[in-house]
Amino acid sequence: DQTPAVINTAYALTFDTTDISNGVSIGTPTSRIIVPQSGLYNFNATVQLISGNTSAKNVWVWFRKNGTDIADSNSRFGLAARKSVGDPFHIVGALNFFVSVTGNDYIQLMWRTSNTNVQIEYYAAGTSPTRPAIPSVILTATFVSSVIT
């Protein structure tokens, strides 16, 4: 789970698991995704957002490269109020962006919210029926071309 401490403040999303890396790695701090080879990459992300109180709210999610926000990469997601106590409103935010990088550049996924009762939520695997866990964030980095644009 990732929770904001203050509204309207940029936070870097963090990662703790690598599925298939093919050279792409989680850096230090763990918000940095390091790409080993220069070229054009397609970054695709999904973020599991929940609203935990009775007000509507907004969440913005964007990409950053080497500490600098990437122009025109921001997305805004509107979250409705929770359904009831113990049953938050859920939405999956999806982003896709092509980025030219030089080997060992790093990419971060940033977010901010208008309300601190928003979380980027992880759900453990379930039973009845058996089902896999829901990661709070999934980020896929796909090498597209060695041509840097």
N, C-alpha and C. Protein backbone atom coordinates (compact mmCIF):
# COMPACT_ATOMS: atom_id res chain seq x y z
N ASP A 1 0.84 -1.19 0.00
CA ASP A 1 0.00 0.00 0.00
C ASP A 1 0.88 1.25 0.00
N GLN A 2 0.41 2.26 -0.69
CA GLN A 2 1.12 3.53 -0.70
C GLN A 2 0.09 4.62 -0.42
N THR A 3 0.38 5.43 0.60
CA THR A 3 -0.56 6.44 1.08
C THR A 3 0.12 7.80 1.14
N PRO A 4 -0.56 8.86 0.68
CA PRO A 4 0.04 10.19 0.76
C PRO A 4 -0.06 10.77 2.16
N ALA A 5 0.94 11.49 2.59
CA ALA A 5 0.91 12.16 3.89
C ALA A 5 0.27 13.53 3.79
N VAL A 6 0.43 14.18 2.63
CA VAL A 6 -0.03 15.56 2.43
C VAL A 6 -0.68 15.66 1.06
N ILE A 7 -1.75 16.43 0.94
CA ILE A 7 -2.39 16.61 -0.36
C ILE A 7 -1.52 17.48 -1.27
N ASN A 8 -1.75 17.33 -2.57
CA ASN A 8 -1.10 18.15 -3.60
C ASN A 8 0.41 18.17 -3.51
N THR A 9 0.97 17.03 -3.14
CA THR A 9 2.42 16.86 -3.03
C THR A 9 2.82 15.69 -3.92
N ALA A 10 3.88 15.84 -4.70
CA ALA A 10 4.34 14.77 -5.58
C ALA A 10 5.05 13.69 -4.79
N TYR A 11 4.63 12.45 -5.00
CA TYR A 11 5.26 11.28 -4.38
C TYR A 11 5.67 10.31 -5.48
N ALA A 12 6.82 9.67 -5.31
CA ALA A 12 7.27 8.64 -6.24
C ALA A 12 6.71 7.30 -5.79
N LEU A 13 6.09 6.57 -6.72
CA LEU A 13 5.63 5.23 -6.40
C LEU A 13 6.83 4.30 -6.28
N THR A 14 6.75 3.37 -5.37
CA THR A 14 7.87 2.45 -5.15
C THR A 14 7.50 1.04 -5.60
N PHE A 15 8.54 0.27 -5.87
CA PHE A 15 8.39 -1.10 -6.38
C PHE A 15 9.21 -2.05 -5.51
N ASP A 16 8.72 -3.29 -5.36
CA ASP A 16 9.46 -4.25 -4.53
C ASP A 16 9.62 -5.63 -5.17
N THR A 17 9.06 -5.82 -6.36
CA THR A 17 9.10 -7.13 -6.99
C THR A 17 9.39 -6.98 -8.48
N THR A 18 10.25 -7.85 -8.98
CA THR A 18 10.53 -7.91 -10.41
C THR A 18 10.05 -9.25 -10.92
N ASP A 19 9.29 -9.23 -12.01
CA ASP A 19 8.80 -10.47 -12.60
C ASP A 19 9.82 -10.95 -13.63
N ILE A 20 9.89 -10.29 -14.76
CA ILE A 20 10.89 -10.58 -15.79
C ILE A 20 11.63 -9.28 -16.06
N SER A 21 12.95 -9.27 -15.89
CA SER A 21 13.65 -7.99 -15.98
C SER A 21 14.33 -7.73 -17.31
N ASN A 22 14.95 -8.74 -17.90
CA ASN A 22 15.69 -8.57 -19.15
C ASN A 22 16.62 -7.35 -19.09
N GLY A 23 17.23 -7.14 -17.93
CA GLY A 23 18.18 -6.05 -17.75
C GLY A 23 17.61 -4.82 -17.10
N VAL A 24 16.29 -4.60 -17.20
CA VAL A 24 15.65 -3.47 -16.52
C VAL A 24 15.60 -3.82 -15.04
N SER A 25 15.90 -2.85 -14.17
CA SER A 25 15.98 -3.17 -12.74
C SER A 25 15.36 -2.09 -11.87
N ILE A 26 15.05 -2.47 -10.64
CA ILE A 26 14.60 -1.53 -9.63
C ILE A 26 15.84 -0.95 -8.98
N GLY A 27 15.93 0.37 -8.91
CA GLY A 27 17.12 1.02 -8.38
C GLY A 27 17.01 1.39 -6.92
N THR A 28 17.88 2.29 -6.51
CA THR A 28 17.88 2.84 -5.17
C THR A 28 17.78 4.34 -5.31
N PRO A 29 16.72 4.97 -4.79
CA PRO A 29 15.62 4.36 -4.06
C PRO A 29 14.76 3.47 -4.97
N THR A 30 13.86 2.70 -4.37
CA THR A 30 13.08 1.70 -5.11
C THR A 30 11.99 2.30 -5.99
N SER A 31 11.96 3.60 -6.11
CA SER A 31 11.04 4.25 -7.05
C SER A 31 11.67 4.36 -8.44
N ARG A 32 12.95 4.09 -8.55
CA ARG A 32 13.66 4.25 -9.82
C ARG A 32 13.68 2.94 -10.61
N ILE A 33 13.23 3.02 -11.86
CA ILE A 33 13.31 1.90 -12.78
C ILE A 33 14.44 2.23 -13.75
N ILE A 34 15.50 1.45 -13.71
CA ILE A 34 16.71 1.73 -14.48
C ILE A 34 16.70 0.90 -15.76
N VAL A 35 16.90 1.57 -16.89
CA VAL A 35 16.94 0.88 -18.18
C VAL A 35 18.39 0.77 -18.62
N PRO A 36 18.82 -0.44 -19.02
CA PRO A 36 20.24 -0.67 -19.29
C PRO A 36 20.72 -0.24 -20.67
N GLN A 37 19.80 -0.18 -21.63
CA GLN A 37 20.19 0.04 -23.01
C GLN A 37 19.52 1.29 -23.57
N SER A 38 20.27 2.07 -24.31
CA SER A 38 19.71 3.26 -24.95
C SER A 38 18.68 2.88 -25.99
N GLY A 39 17.68 3.73 -26.15
CA GLY A 39 16.68 3.50 -27.19
C GLY A 39 15.32 4.02 -26.79
N LEU A 40 14.32 3.60 -27.53
CA LEU A 40 12.94 3.98 -27.28
C LEU A 40 12.26 2.85 -26.51
N TYR A 41 11.61 3.20 -25.39
CA TYR A 41 10.90 2.23 -24.55
C TYR A 41 9.44 2.62 -24.45
N ASN A 42 8.59 1.62 -24.33
CA ASN A 42 7.18 1.83 -24.06
C ASN A 42 6.96 1.48 -22.59
N PHE A 43 6.54 2.46 -21.79
CA PHE A 43 6.25 2.24 -20.37
C PHE A 43 4.73 2.19 -20.21
N ASN A 44 4.27 1.11 -19.62
CA ASN A 44 2.85 0.91 -19.39
C ASN A 44 2.66 0.65 -17.90
N ALA A 45 1.73 1.35 -17.28
CA ALA A 45 1.51 1.20 -15.83
C ALA A 45 0.03 1.10 -15.52
N THR A 46 -0.28 0.30 -14.51
CA THR A 46 -1.61 0.30 -13.92
C THR A 46 -1.45 0.53 -12.42
N VAL A 47 -2.38 1.30 -11.86
CA VAL A 47 -2.33 1.68 -10.46
C VAL A 47 -3.69 1.38 -9.84
N GLN A 48 -3.72 0.57 -8.77
CA GLN A 48 -4.96 0.21 -8.08
C GLN A 48 -5.28 1.28 -7.04
N LEU A 49 -6.23 2.16 -7.34
CA LEU A 49 -6.58 3.28 -6.47
C LEU A 49 -7.84 2.98 -5.68
N ILE A 50 -7.87 3.43 -4.40
CA ILE A 50 -9.09 3.31 -3.61
C ILE A 50 -9.39 4.64 -2.92
N SER A 51 -10.69 4.89 -2.75
CA SER A 51 -11.18 6.07 -2.03
C SER A 51 -11.76 5.60 -0.71
N GLY A 52 -11.22 6.10 0.40
CA GLY A 52 -11.59 5.58 1.71
C GLY A 52 -12.51 6.43 2.54
N ASN A 53 -13.03 7.55 1.99
CA ASN A 53 -13.96 8.35 2.80
C ASN A 53 -15.16 8.77 1.95
N THR A 54 -15.96 9.67 2.48
CA THR A 54 -17.25 10.00 1.84
C THR A 54 -17.18 11.19 0.87
N SER A 55 -15.99 11.56 0.42
CA SER A 55 -15.89 12.66 -0.55
C SER A 55 -15.24 12.17 -1.84
N ALA A 56 -15.60 12.84 -2.93
CA ALA A 56 -14.95 12.57 -4.21
C ALA A 56 -13.55 13.18 -4.19
N LYS A 57 -12.67 12.67 -4.99
CA LYS A 57 -11.29 13.15 -4.99
C LYS A 57 -10.65 12.89 -6.34
N ASN A 58 -9.51 13.52 -6.56
CA ASN A 58 -8.75 13.35 -7.80
C ASN A 58 -7.34 12.85 -7.49
N VAL A 59 -6.82 12.07 -8.43
CA VAL A 59 -5.44 11.58 -8.35
C VAL A 59 -4.80 11.83 -9.71
N TRP A 60 -3.60 12.35 -9.70
CA TRP A 60 -2.82 12.57 -10.90
C TRP A 60 -1.62 11.62 -10.87
N VAL A 61 -1.30 11.00 -12.01
CA VAL A 61 -0.17 10.08 -12.12
C VAL A 61 0.59 10.42 -13.40
N TRP A 62 1.93 10.52 -13.30
CA TRP A 62 2.73 10.90 -14.46
C TRP A 62 4.11 10.25 -14.38
N PHE A 63 4.83 10.37 -15.49
CA PHE A 63 6.17 9.81 -15.59
C PHE A 63 7.22 10.91 -15.38
N ARG A 64 8.35 10.49 -14.82
CA ARG A 64 9.50 11.37 -14.60
C ARG A 64 10.74 10.63 -15.09
N LYS A 65 11.64 11.35 -15.75
CA LYS A 65 12.89 10.75 -16.25
C LYS A 65 14.07 11.48 -15.63
N ASN A 66 14.94 10.74 -14.96
CA ASN A 66 16.14 11.30 -14.33
C ASN A 66 15.81 12.51 -13.45
N GLY A 67 14.68 12.44 -12.74
CA GLY A 67 14.31 13.49 -11.80
C GLY A 67 13.53 14.65 -12.40
N THR A 68 13.24 14.61 -13.70
CA THR A 68 12.51 15.69 -14.37
C THR A 68 11.20 15.14 -14.92
N ASP A 69 10.10 15.85 -14.64
CA ASP A 69 8.80 15.44 -15.15
C ASP A 69 8.83 15.39 -16.68
N ILE A 70 8.20 14.36 -17.26
CA ILE A 70 8.12 14.22 -18.70
C ILE A 70 6.87 14.98 -19.17
N ALA A 71 7.08 15.91 -20.08
CA ALA A 71 5.99 16.74 -20.59
C ALA A 71 4.85 15.88 -21.15
N ASP A 72 3.64 16.29 -20.86
CA ASP A 72 2.42 15.67 -21.40
C ASP A 72 2.24 14.20 -21.01
N SER A 73 2.83 13.77 -19.92
CA SER A 73 2.69 12.37 -19.49
C SER A 73 1.69 12.19 -18.35
N ASN A 74 1.06 13.26 -17.90
CA ASN A 74 0.17 13.23 -16.73
C ASN A 74 -1.22 12.72 -17.09
N SER A 75 -1.83 11.97 -16.18
CA SER A 75 -3.22 11.53 -16.30
C SER A 75 -3.94 11.85 -15.00
N ARG A 76 -5.22 12.23 -15.11
CA ARG A 76 -6.03 12.56 -13.93
C ARG A 76 -7.15 11.54 -13.81
N PHE A 77 -7.30 11.00 -12.59
CA PHE A 77 -8.33 10.00 -12.32
C PHE A 77 -9.26 10.53 -11.24
N GLY A 78 -10.55 10.49 -11.50
CA GLY A 78 -11.54 10.91 -10.51
C GLY A 78 -12.05 9.71 -9.74
N LEU A 79 -12.03 9.81 -8.43
CA LEU A 79 -12.51 8.73 -7.57
C LEU A 79 -13.78 9.19 -6.86
N ALA A 80 -14.78 8.35 -6.88
CA ALA A 80 -16.02 8.63 -6.16
C ALA A 80 -15.81 8.36 -4.67
N ALA A 81 -16.76 8.78 -3.86
CA ALA A 81 -16.73 8.49 -2.43
C ALA A 81 -16.80 6.98 -2.20
N ARG A 82 -16.35 6.53 -1.05
CA ARG A 82 -16.42 5.10 -0.72
C ARG A 82 -17.87 4.63 -0.79
N LYS A 83 -18.04 3.33 -0.97
CA LYS A 83 -19.38 2.76 -1.04
C LYS A 83 -20.03 2.73 0.33
N SER A 84 -19.26 2.27 1.32
CA SER A 84 -19.72 2.24 2.71
C SER A 84 -18.50 2.02 3.60
N VAL A 85 -18.66 2.12 4.91
CA VAL A 85 -17.56 1.86 5.83
C VAL A 85 -17.05 0.44 5.56
N GLY A 86 -15.77 0.31 5.35
CA GLY A 86 -15.19 -1.01 5.08
C GLY A 86 -15.27 -1.43 3.62
N ASP A 87 -15.88 -0.63 2.75
CA ASP A 87 -15.99 -0.97 1.33
C ASP A 87 -15.62 0.26 0.50
N PRO A 88 -14.31 0.46 0.26
CA PRO A 88 -13.88 1.65 -0.48
C PRO A 88 -14.27 1.58 -1.96
N PHE A 89 -14.29 2.74 -2.60
CA PHE A 89 -14.47 2.81 -4.04
C PHE A 89 -13.15 2.43 -4.69
N HIS A 90 -13.19 1.60 -5.75
CA HIS A 90 -11.98 1.11 -6.43
C HIS A 90 -11.96 1.58 -7.87
N ILE A 91 -10.77 1.89 -8.35
CA ILE A 91 -10.57 2.19 -9.76
C ILE A 91 -9.14 1.80 -10.12
N VAL A 92 -8.96 1.35 -11.35
CA VAL A 92 -7.62 1.05 -11.85
C VAL A 92 -7.25 2.13 -12.85
N GLY A 93 -6.20 2.88 -12.54
CA GLY A 93 -5.69 3.89 -13.46
C GLY A 93 -4.67 3.26 -14.38
N ALA A 94 -4.76 3.56 -15.66
CA ALA A 94 -3.82 2.99 -16.64
C ALA A 94 -3.12 4.11 -17.40
N LEU A 95 -1.82 3.95 -17.61
CA LEU A 95 -1.02 4.92 -18.34
C LEU A 95 -0.12 4.19 -19.33
N ASN A 96 0.19 4.86 -20.42
CA ASN A 96 1.08 4.32 -21.42
C ASN A 96 1.86 5.49 -22.02
N PHE A 97 3.19 5.35 -22.10
CA PHE A 97 3.99 6.45 -22.64
C PHE A 97 5.27 5.91 -23.26
N PHE A 98 5.66 6.47 -24.40
CA PHE A 98 6.92 6.13 -25.05
C PHE A 98 7.97 7.14 -24.61
N VAL A 99 9.17 6.64 -24.24
CA VAL A 99 10.23 7.50 -23.73
C VAL A 99 11.56 7.09 -24.36
N SER A 100 12.29 8.08 -24.88
CA SER A 100 13.66 7.85 -25.36
C SER A 100 14.60 7.95 -24.16
N VAL A 101 15.47 6.96 -24.02
CA VAL A 101 16.39 6.94 -22.89
C VAL A 101 17.81 6.63 -23.37
N THR A 102 18.75 7.00 -22.54
CA THR A 102 20.13 6.62 -22.70
C THR A 102 20.42 5.56 -21.64
N GLY A 103 21.27 4.59 -21.93
CA GLY A 103 21.56 3.53 -20.99
C GLY A 103 21.83 4.05 -19.59
N ASN A 104 21.22 3.43 -18.59
CA ASN A 104 21.31 3.76 -17.16
C ASN A 104 20.49 4.99 -16.75
N ASP A 105 19.67 5.53 -17.67
CA ASP A 105 18.67 6.52 -17.25
C ASP A 105 17.68 5.82 -16.33
N TYR A 106 16.96 6.61 -15.54
CA TYR A 106 15.91 6.00 -14.73
C TYR A 106 14.58 6.71 -14.94
N ILE A 107 13.54 5.94 -14.82
CA ILE A 107 12.16 6.41 -14.96
C ILE A 107 11.47 6.22 -13.61
N GLN A 108 10.64 7.19 -13.24
CA GLN A 108 9.81 7.08 -12.04
C GLN A 108 8.36 7.32 -12.41
N LEU A 109 7.48 6.72 -11.64
CA LEU A 109 6.06 6.95 -11.75
C LEU A 109 5.67 7.78 -10.54
N MET A 110 5.15 8.99 -10.80
CA MET A 110 4.84 9.94 -9.74
C MET A 110 3.33 10.04 -9.55
N TRP A 111 2.92 10.51 -8.36
CA TRP A 111 1.49 10.74 -8.14
C TRP A 111 1.27 11.83 -7.12
N ARG A 112 0.09 12.42 -7.18
CA ARG A 112 -0.37 13.38 -6.17
C ARG A 112 -1.88 13.22 -6.07
N THR A 113 -2.45 13.69 -4.98
CA THR A 113 -3.88 13.56 -4.77
C THR A 113 -4.45 14.80 -4.09
N SER A 114 -5.74 14.99 -4.26
CA SER A 114 -6.43 16.12 -3.63
C SER A 114 -6.95 15.78 -2.24
N ASN A 115 -6.73 14.51 -1.79
CA ASN A 115 -7.29 14.07 -0.51
C ASN A 115 -6.40 12.96 0.05
N THR A 116 -6.10 13.00 1.33
CA THR A 116 -5.23 11.97 1.92
C THR A 116 -5.96 10.65 2.19
N ASN A 117 -7.25 10.58 1.93
CA ASN A 117 -7.99 9.33 2.08
C ASN A 117 -8.03 8.54 0.78
N VAL A 118 -6.92 8.60 0.05
CA VAL A 118 -6.70 7.81 -1.15
C VAL A 118 -5.52 6.90 -0.86
N GLN A 119 -5.60 5.68 -1.35
CA GLN A 119 -4.46 4.77 -1.24
C GLN A 119 -4.22 4.11 -2.58
N ILE A 120 -2.98 3.73 -2.80
CA ILE A 120 -2.64 2.83 -3.88
C ILE A 120 -2.50 1.49 -3.18
N GLU A 121 -3.47 0.63 -3.44
CA GLU A 121 -3.75 -0.51 -2.58
C GLU A 121 -3.26 -1.84 -3.16
N TYR A 122 -2.67 -2.66 -2.30
CA TYR A 122 -2.30 -4.04 -2.60
C TYR A 122 -3.34 -4.96 -1.94
N TYR A 123 -3.76 -5.98 -2.66
CA TYR A 123 -4.67 -6.98 -2.09
C TYR A 123 -4.01 -8.35 -2.17
N ALA A 124 -3.98 -9.06 -1.06
CA ALA A 124 -3.38 -10.39 -1.00
C ALA A 124 -4.20 -11.39 -1.81
N ALA A 125 -3.58 -12.51 -2.14
CA ALA A 125 -4.28 -13.57 -2.85
C ALA A 125 -5.50 -14.00 -2.03
N GLY A 126 -6.52 -14.45 -2.72
CA GLY A 126 -7.77 -14.80 -2.03
C GLY A 126 -8.16 -16.26 -2.17
N THR A 127 -9.20 -16.61 -1.44
CA THR A 127 -9.75 -17.96 -1.49
C THR A 127 -11.25 -17.87 -1.74
N SER A 128 -11.84 -18.98 -2.11
CA SER A 128 -13.29 -19.10 -2.35
C SER A 128 -13.83 -18.10 -3.35
N PRO A 129 -13.42 -18.13 -4.55
CA PRO A 129 -12.47 -19.05 -5.18
C PRO A 129 -11.03 -18.56 -5.03
N THR A 130 -10.10 -19.49 -5.20
CA THR A 130 -8.69 -19.14 -5.18
C THR A 130 -8.40 -18.16 -6.31
N ARG A 131 -7.66 -17.08 -5.98
CA ARG A 131 -7.32 -16.07 -6.98
C ARG A 131 -6.01 -15.41 -6.59
N PRO A 132 -5.30 -14.86 -7.59
CA PRO A 132 -4.00 -14.25 -7.30
C PRO A 132 -4.15 -12.90 -6.60
N ALA A 133 -3.04 -12.41 -6.08
CA ALA A 133 -2.99 -11.09 -5.44
C ALA A 133 -3.21 -10.00 -6.48
N ILE A 134 -3.56 -8.81 -5.98
CA ILE A 134 -3.69 -7.62 -6.82
C ILE A 134 -2.55 -6.68 -6.43
N PRO A 135 -1.55 -6.52 -7.30
CA PRO A 135 -0.47 -5.58 -6.99
C PRO A 135 -0.99 -4.14 -6.94
N SER A 136 -0.37 -3.31 -6.12
CA SER A 136 -0.77 -1.91 -6.06
C SER A 136 -0.39 -1.18 -7.33
N VAL A 137 0.75 -1.53 -7.91
CA VAL A 137 1.23 -0.92 -9.15
C VAL A 137 1.87 -2.01 -10.00
N ILE A 138 1.56 -1.99 -11.29
CA ILE A 138 2.26 -2.85 -12.25
C ILE A 138 2.88 -1.92 -13.29
N LEU A 139 4.17 -2.07 -13.52
CA LEU A 139 4.87 -1.25 -14.51
C LEU A 139 5.58 -2.19 -15.47
N THR A 140 5.33 -2.01 -16.75
CA THR A 140 5.98 -2.79 -17.78
C THR A 140 6.82 -1.85 -18.64
N ALA A 141 8.09 -2.21 -18.83
CA ALA A 141 9.00 -1.44 -19.67
C ALA A 141 9.38 -2.33 -20.86
N THR A 142 8.98 -1.93 -22.06
CA THR A 142 9.24 -2.72 -23.24
C THR A 142 10.18 -1.96 -24.17
N PHE A 143 11.30 -2.60 -24.50
CA PHE A 143 12.24 -2.02 -25.46
C PHE A 143 11.60 -2.06 -26.84
N VAL A 144 11.57 -0.90 -27.53
CA VAL A 144 10.92 -0.81 -28.84
C VAL A 144 11.95 -0.72 -29.95
N SER A 145 12.96 0.15 -29.79
CA SER A 145 13.90 0.39 -30.87
C SER A 145 15.19 1.00 -30.31
N SER A 146 16.29 0.73 -30.97
CA SER A 146 17.56 1.34 -30.56
C SER A 146 17.70 2.76 -31.10
N VAL A 147 16.75 3.19 -31.90
CA VAL A 147 16.77 4.56 -32.42
C VAL A 147 16.23 5.50 -31.35
N ILE A 148 17.03 6.48 -30.96
CA ILE A 148 16.60 7.45 -29.97
C ILE A 148 15.99 8.63 -30.72
N THR A 149 14.77 8.99 -30.31
CA THR A 149 14.08 10.09 -30.99
C THR A 149 14.11 11.35 -30.16
